[in-house]
Amino acid sequence: MAENHSKIIIIGSGPAGFTAALYNARANLKPVIFEGMQPGGQLTITTEVENYPGFENGIQGPELMDVMRKQAHRFGAESVYKEITEVDFSKRPFILKSNDEEYTADAVIVATGASAKLLGLESEQKYMGYGVSACATCDGFFFKNQKVLVVGGGDTAMEEATYLTNHASEVTIIHRREGLRASTIMQDRAKKNPKIKFYLNKVINEVVGVEENGVKKMTGVIVEDTRDHSKEEVKADGLFIGIGHKPNTDIFKGQLEMDDVGYLKVKPESTYTNIEGVFACGDVIDSKYRQAVTAAGTGCMASLDAERWLEAQE
C-alpha cells in the first residue's frame, strides 16, 4: 500500500490541474496527477489559443497543455495516465481507485473539469477545431466577418450568439423546437440584435466540409425540419455548439456537495469542499467564466489551500 501513497493527488489535468501540480511540486509535496480520459483537458480539442497571457502570437491548445505539464514535471510532479473511477473520502488517508488499483492520499485536489455537451455526430468530431467549436469566447475571433451557426435554445446558445456578433457578419441560431428555453432577458437581447437570425424546428444531421492539401474546413451543415423531415444544406464558416456543459463529477456524487447541474460547491473565497482535505478548482466549480486563465488561477488557489491545510495537520 505504501508505494501507492501520496501526500497529494490531483484528479484531472488541464490548466487547473497542472497549475495546482506546479505549485505543489515547488513546495516539495511531490504531487501525483491522474490525467484521466482526456489528458490536458478541454484545451486539447481547440486549435489556436490567443487569449492566454504570455503567448504574444498565440499557441496551439495541446501545445500549451504540454508546456504546462512539463513545467510541473520539472519540479517533481508526476503524471499517471489513468482515470480515477472511484473515491472514498469518508476516511483518511483518502482512498482513490483506478479500476482495480488502489491509491491513497493525505489531500486531494479535484480538477476534473467539465465537458461541453455535443450533438454526438461523427462529422462534428471530424471538424472539431476546423470550424466546429464549443466555446465562442475561445474561438469567435477566428470568424471575423464570416457566417456562423449556433445550435441550442437555452441561455448558453443566446450568450454565445450575442458574443459572436462582435466578430461574425451573421449569426444563425438553430433550434429543434419553435420555443426557446432561454430566459426572457437573453431571448430579447438576441432577438433585438440585427446580426442574429433564428432557424427554428430544425435539427443538424451532419456537418459538411472540404479537405484540401490535408487541411480540413467546415463549409456548412445538413439540417432536417422536425415537422416535415425535409432536408437542406445551410452554408456557414463555423458552427458553435451551445447546448451547455456538464461537469465531470459523477464519481463524487453522495460525497462532495454539488449544485443541481453537478458543479462542485466550494466555501466562499476558497477552494475548500465540504470535506476537509479535499479541494476543487477549474471548470468543475465554474459554470460562469470557463476560461483557461481562470481555471489556472483557481488551480493556484487550490494548491495553496491544500499546502496550508497539510501544514496545519502536521
Protein backbone atom coordinates (compact mmCIF):
# COMPACT_ATOMS: atom_id res chain seq x y z
CA MET A 1 0.00 0.00 0.00
CA ALA A 2 2.73 2.46 1.00
CA GLU A 3 4.15 2.67 -2.52
CA ASN A 4 0.77 3.90 -3.77
CA HIS A 5 0.51 6.62 -1.12
CA SER A 6 0.99 10.28 -1.99
CA LYS A 7 0.85 13.41 0.10
CA ILE A 8 -1.33 14.97 -2.55
CA ILE A 9 -3.21 13.57 -5.54
CA ILE A 10 -4.65 15.79 -8.25
CA ILE A 11 -7.55 14.27 -10.17
CA GLY A 12 -7.64 15.72 -13.66
CA SER A 13 -5.26 17.72 -15.80
CA GLY A 14 -5.90 20.88 -17.81
CA PRO A 15 -4.85 24.39 -16.75
CA ALA A 16 -6.29 23.96 -13.22
CA GLY A 17 -4.70 20.57 -12.50
CA PHE A 18 -1.33 21.48 -13.98
CA THR A 19 -1.14 24.82 -12.15
CA ALA A 20 -2.00 23.11 -8.86
CA ALA A 21 0.67 20.49 -9.58
CA LEU A 22 3.27 23.16 -10.40
CA TYR A 23 2.71 24.99 -7.09
CA ASN A 24 2.55 21.78 -5.03
CA ALA A 25 5.68 20.42 -6.71
CA ARG A 26 7.59 23.61 -5.96
CA ALA A 27 6.51 23.23 -2.34
CA ASN A 28 8.16 19.80 -2.40
CA LEU A 29 4.88 17.90 -1.97
CA LYS A 30 5.56 15.53 -4.92
CA PRO A 31 2.03 15.70 -6.30
CA VAL A 32 0.67 12.91 -8.49
CA ILE A 33 -1.63 13.97 -11.34
CA PHE A 34 -4.15 11.47 -12.64
CA GLU A 35 -4.65 12.84 -16.14
CA GLY A 36 -7.80 10.84 -16.89
CA MET A 37 -9.56 10.15 -20.18
CA GLN A 38 -8.58 13.44 -21.80
CA PRO A 39 -5.00 14.29 -20.76
CA GLY A 40 -4.65 18.06 -20.92
CA GLY A 41 -8.42 18.61 -20.68
CA GLN A 42 -10.73 20.57 -22.98
CA LEU A 43 -7.94 22.70 -24.46
CA THR A 44 -6.60 19.66 -26.29
CA ILE A 45 -9.60 19.83 -28.66
CA THR A 46 -9.09 23.52 -29.50
CA THR A 47 -6.56 24.60 -32.06
CA GLU A 48 -5.30 28.16 -31.59
CA VAL A 49 -5.33 29.77 -28.11
CA GLU A 50 -4.77 33.51 -28.42
CA ASN A 51 -6.12 34.77 -25.10
CA TYR A 52 -3.75 33.06 -22.65
CA PRO A 53 -1.37 35.70 -21.24
CA GLY A 54 2.30 35.30 -22.05
CA PHE A 55 1.90 33.99 -25.60
CA GLU A 56 2.01 37.08 -27.75
CA ASN A 57 1.48 35.20 -31.02
CA GLY A 58 -0.91 32.58 -29.65
CA ILE A 59 -0.23 28.89 -29.07
CA GLN A 60 -1.96 25.64 -30.02
CA GLY A 61 -4.18 24.25 -27.21
CA PRO A 62 -2.44 20.85 -26.98
CA GLU A 63 0.98 22.56 -27.03
CA LEU A 64 0.02 24.91 -24.18
CA MET A 65 -1.06 21.92 -22.08
CA ASP A 66 2.19 20.12 -22.88
CA VAL A 67 4.23 23.16 -21.79
CA MET A 68 2.27 23.32 -18.51
CA ARG A 69 2.70 19.58 -17.94
CA LYS A 70 6.49 19.75 -18.50
CA GLN A 71 6.78 22.76 -16.21
CA ALA A 72 5.05 20.84 -13.37
CA HIS A 73 7.18 17.73 -14.06
CA ARG A 74 10.35 19.81 -13.92
CA PHE A 75 9.72 20.44 -10.21
CA GLY A 76 8.85 16.84 -9.38
CA ALA A 77 5.17 16.39 -10.20
CA GLU A 78 4.32 13.01 -11.68
CA SER A 79 1.62 12.19 -14.25
CA VAL A 80 -0.29 8.93 -14.25
CA TYR A 81 -2.25 8.36 -17.47
CA LYS A 82 -5.16 6.62 -15.81
CA GLU A 83 -8.67 7.55 -14.85
CA ILE A 84 -9.86 7.63 -11.24
CA THR A 85 -13.04 5.57 -11.29
CA GLU A 86 -14.00 5.62 -7.59
CA VAL A 87 -13.21 7.64 -4.47
CA ASP A 88 -13.78 7.16 -0.76
CA PHE A 89 -13.48 10.43 1.15
CA SER A 90 -15.10 9.04 4.33
CA LYS A 91 -11.77 8.13 5.95
CA ARG A 92 -8.18 9.29 5.94
CA PRO A 93 -5.96 8.78 4.12
CA PHE A 94 -8.43 9.17 1.27
CA ILE A 95 -8.82 6.15 -1.00
CA LEU A 96 -8.89 6.54 -4.77
CA LYS A 97 -9.34 3.70 -7.22
CA SER A 98 -8.41 3.41 -10.86
CA ASN A 99 -10.40 0.32 -11.82
CA ASP A 100 -8.74 -2.40 -9.68
CA GLU A 101 -5.77 -0.36 -8.48
CA GLU A 102 -5.94 1.48 -5.17
CA TYR A 103 -4.15 4.71 -4.24
CA THR A 104 -4.20 6.77 -1.06
CA ALA A 105 -3.58 10.44 -0.39
CA ASP A 106 -3.47 12.83 2.56
CA ALA A 107 -5.06 15.59 0.46
CA VAL A 108 -6.91 15.60 -2.87
CA ILE A 109 -7.41 18.35 -5.44
CA VAL A 110 -10.30 17.78 -7.84
CA ALA A 111 -9.67 19.34 -11.26
CA THR A 112 -11.84 17.07 -13.39
CA GLY A 113 -13.27 19.96 -15.42
CA ALA A 114 -16.42 19.95 -17.47
CA SER A 115 -17.30 18.63 -20.89
CA ALA A 116 -19.20 20.57 -23.48
CA LYS A 117 -22.37 18.71 -24.36
CA LEU A 118 -22.10 17.80 -28.02
CA LEU A 119 -24.57 16.70 -30.69
CA GLY A 120 -22.97 13.28 -30.96
CA LEU A 121 -22.32 13.34 -34.71
CA GLU A 122 -19.27 11.70 -36.23
CA SER A 123 -18.87 14.68 -38.60
CA GLU A 124 -18.98 17.07 -35.63
CA GLN A 125 -15.89 15.31 -34.19
CA LYS A 126 -14.21 15.36 -37.61
CA TYR A 127 -14.47 19.17 -37.92
CA MET A 128 -13.94 19.99 -34.23
CA GLY A 129 -11.32 22.76 -34.28
CA TYR A 130 -11.77 23.15 -38.05
CA GLY A 131 -14.93 25.25 -37.99
CA VAL A 132 -16.77 23.44 -35.19
CA SER A 133 -16.29 24.82 -31.67
CA ALA A 134 -17.86 24.54 -28.24
CA CYS A 135 -16.55 27.88 -26.96
CA ALA A 136 -17.42 31.24 -28.56
CA THR A 137 -15.15 33.28 -26.30
CA CYS A 138 -12.23 30.99 -27.21
CA ASP A 139 -12.74 30.84 -30.95
CA GLY A 140 -15.08 33.66 -32.03
CA PHE A 141 -12.16 35.85 -33.04
CA PHE A 142 -11.28 33.48 -35.90
CA PHE A 143 -14.62 34.12 -37.61
CA LYS A 144 -14.28 37.83 -38.36
CA ASN A 145 -16.85 38.90 -40.98
CA GLN A 146 -17.90 35.29 -41.55
CA LYS A 147 -21.23 33.47 -41.29
CA VAL A 148 -21.62 31.22 -38.28
CA LEU A 149 -24.28 28.98 -36.80
CA VAL A 150 -25.11 28.39 -33.13
CA VAL A 151 -27.07 25.31 -32.14
CA GLY A 152 -29.19 25.40 -28.96
CA GLY A 153 -32.17 27.16 -27.44
CA GLY A 154 -31.05 27.94 -23.90
CA ASP A 155 -29.09 30.73 -22.25
CA THR A 156 -25.77 29.24 -23.40
CA ALA A 157 -26.81 29.48 -27.05
CA MET A 158 -28.13 33.05 -26.70
CA GLU A 159 -24.98 34.11 -24.87
CA GLU A 160 -22.69 32.51 -27.48
CA ALA A 161 -24.69 34.01 -30.37
CA THR A 162 -24.68 37.51 -28.85
CA TYR A 163 -20.95 37.30 -28.20
CA LEU A 164 -20.26 36.08 -31.75
CA THR A 165 -21.90 39.18 -33.26
CA ASN A 166 -18.75 41.07 -32.13
CA HIS A 167 -16.84 39.17 -34.81
CA ALA A 168 -19.11 37.40 -37.31
CA SER A 169 -21.09 39.15 -40.05
CA GLU A 170 -24.13 36.94 -39.45
CA VAL A 171 -25.14 34.51 -36.70
CA THR A 172 -27.97 31.99 -37.17
CA ILE A 173 -29.39 30.17 -34.15
CA ILE A 174 -30.66 26.68 -34.97
CA HIS A 175 -33.08 25.08 -32.51
CA ARG A 176 -35.14 21.92 -32.71
CA ARG A 177 -38.35 23.50 -31.41
CA GLU A 178 -40.40 26.62 -32.06
CA GLY A 179 -39.98 27.87 -28.48
CA LEU A 180 -36.66 28.70 -26.83
CA ARG A 181 -35.68 27.59 -23.32
CA ALA A 182 -33.57 30.69 -22.70
CA SER A 183 -34.56 33.27 -20.09
CA THR A 184 -36.69 36.14 -21.43
CA ILE A 185 -33.92 38.70 -20.99
CA MET A 186 -31.45 36.58 -23.01
CA GLN A 187 -34.02 35.89 -25.74
CA ASP A 188 -34.91 39.58 -26.04
CA ARG A 189 -31.28 40.55 -26.30
CA ALA A 190 -30.68 38.06 -29.11
CA LYS A 191 -33.90 38.98 -30.96
CA LYS A 192 -33.05 42.67 -30.88
CA ASN A 193 -29.61 42.08 -32.39
CA PRO A 194 -29.73 42.80 -36.15
CA LYS A 195 -26.96 40.28 -36.84
CA ILE A 196 -28.84 37.33 -35.29
CA LYS A 197 -31.33 35.21 -37.24
CA PHE A 198 -33.37 32.26 -35.98
CA TYR A 199 -33.89 28.97 -37.77
CA LEU A 200 -36.40 27.02 -35.68
CA ASN A 201 -37.84 23.49 -35.79
CA LYS A 202 -34.57 22.27 -37.29
CA VAL A 203 -32.02 19.68 -36.19
CA ILE A 204 -28.49 19.27 -37.54
CA ASN A 205 -27.94 15.86 -39.13
CA GLU A 206 -24.43 16.35 -40.43
CA VAL A 207 -21.54 18.80 -40.62
CA VAL A 208 -20.12 19.05 -44.14
CA GLY A 209 -16.79 20.36 -45.31
CA VAL A 210 -13.84 20.06 -47.67
CA GLU A 211 -10.33 18.75 -47.36
CA GLU A 212 -7.65 20.38 -49.49
CA ASN A 213 -3.93 19.62 -49.23
CA GLY A 214 -4.57 17.79 -45.97
CA VAL A 215 -6.38 20.78 -44.42
CA LYS A 216 -9.98 20.27 -43.27
CA LYS A 217 -12.55 23.04 -43.29
CA MET A 218 -16.23 23.01 -42.47
CA THR A 219 -18.44 24.57 -45.16
CA GLY A 220 -21.94 24.06 -43.74
CA VAL A 221 -24.45 21.69 -42.17
CA ILE A 222 -27.32 19.48 -43.32
CA VAL A 223 -30.46 20.35 -41.35
CA GLU A 224 -33.71 18.42 -41.11
CA ASP A 225 -37.09 20.01 -40.44
CA THR A 226 -38.62 18.40 -37.35
CA ARG A 227 -42.15 18.77 -38.80
CA ASP A 228 -42.00 17.55 -42.41
CA HIS A 229 -38.49 15.92 -42.28
CA SER A 230 -37.32 17.81 -45.36
CA LYS A 231 -33.56 18.31 -45.54
CA GLU A 232 -31.39 21.15 -46.82
CA GLU A 233 -27.81 22.34 -46.67
CA VAL A 234 -27.06 25.57 -44.80
CA LYS A 235 -23.76 27.17 -45.79
CA ALA A 236 -21.61 28.53 -42.96
CA ASP A 237 -17.99 29.04 -41.97
CA GLY A 238 -18.43 27.97 -38.37
CA LEU A 239 -20.69 26.01 -36.04
CA PHE A 240 -20.80 26.69 -32.30
CA ILE A 241 -22.37 24.06 -30.06
CA GLY A 242 -24.30 25.95 -27.39
CA ILE A 243 -26.20 23.23 -25.59
CA GLY A 244 -24.44 23.62 -22.26
CA HIS A 245 -21.70 21.95 -20.25
CA LYS A 246 -21.70 19.01 -17.88
CA PRO A 247 -19.19 19.00 -15.02
CA ASN A 248 -17.28 15.71 -14.72
CA THR A 249 -18.38 14.95 -11.17
CA ASP A 250 -20.28 11.64 -11.33
CA ILE A 251 -17.71 9.80 -9.18
CA PHE A 252 -18.13 12.36 -6.35
CA LYS A 253 -21.92 12.06 -6.04
CA GLY A 254 -23.03 11.50 -2.46
CA GLN A 255 -19.64 12.64 -1.10
CA LEU A 256 -18.95 16.16 -2.33
CA GLU A 257 -21.61 18.87 -2.26
CA MET A 258 -22.73 19.98 -5.72
CA ASP A 259 -25.45 22.07 -7.31
CA ASP A 260 -28.35 20.72 -9.40
CA VAL A 261 -26.23 20.53 -12.55
CA GLY A 262 -23.30 18.83 -10.79
CA TYR A 263 -20.83 21.71 -10.30
CA LEU A 264 -18.93 21.26 -7.03
CA LYS A 265 -19.63 23.77 -4.27
CA VAL A 266 -16.68 25.37 -2.51
CA LYS A 267 -16.59 27.58 0.58
CA PRO A 268 -16.62 31.33 -0.19
CA GLU A 269 -13.28 32.80 -1.26
CA SER A 270 -11.57 29.42 -1.10
CA THR A 271 -11.33 26.06 -2.85
CA TYR A 272 -12.39 24.03 0.22
CA THR A 273 -15.15 21.50 -0.49
CA ASN A 274 -17.45 20.19 2.26
CA ILE A 275 -14.81 17.54 3.09
CA GLU A 276 -11.70 18.66 4.96
CA GLY A 277 -8.63 17.96 2.85
CA VAL A 278 -10.47 17.82 -0.47
CA PHE A 279 -10.18 20.91 -2.67
CA ALA A 280 -11.67 21.73 -6.06
CA CYS A 281 -10.64 24.06 -8.88
CA GLY A 282 -11.16 24.87 -12.53
CA ASP A 283 -14.27 24.29 -14.61
CA VAL A 284 -15.58 21.73 -12.15
CA ILE A 285 -16.51 24.66 -9.86
CA ASP A 286 -17.09 27.30 -12.55
CA SER A 287 -20.15 27.45 -14.80
CA LYS A 288 -19.69 31.15 -15.42
CA TYR A 289 -16.25 32.02 -16.84
CA ARG A 290 -14.83 28.70 -18.06
CA GLN A 291 -11.55 30.14 -19.33
CA ALA A 292 -8.07 28.60 -19.23
CA VAL A 293 -6.70 31.57 -17.28
CA THR A 294 -9.45 31.49 -14.62
CA ALA A 295 -9.00 27.72 -14.26
CA ALA A 296 -5.26 28.21 -13.76
CA GLY A 297 -5.99 30.88 -11.13
CA THR A 298 -8.20 28.58 -9.07
CA GLY A 299 -5.62 25.80 -9.53
CA CYS A 300 -3.09 28.04 -7.81
CA MET A 301 -5.61 28.76 -5.02
CA ALA A 302 -6.33 25.04 -4.51
CA SER A 303 -2.65 24.18 -4.25
CA LEU A 304 -2.04 26.92 -1.66
CA ASP A 305 -5.15 25.89 0.31
CA ALA A 306 -4.04 22.25 0.25
CA GLU A 307 -0.45 23.09 1.21
CA ARG A 308 -1.57 25.21 4.19
CA TRP A 309 -4.09 22.56 5.23
CA LEU A 310 -1.42 19.83 5.16
CA GLU A 311 0.93 22.02 7.23
CA ALA A 312 -1.82 22.54 9.80
CA GLN A 313 -2.37 18.73 10.03
CA GLU A 314 1.29 18.22 10.87
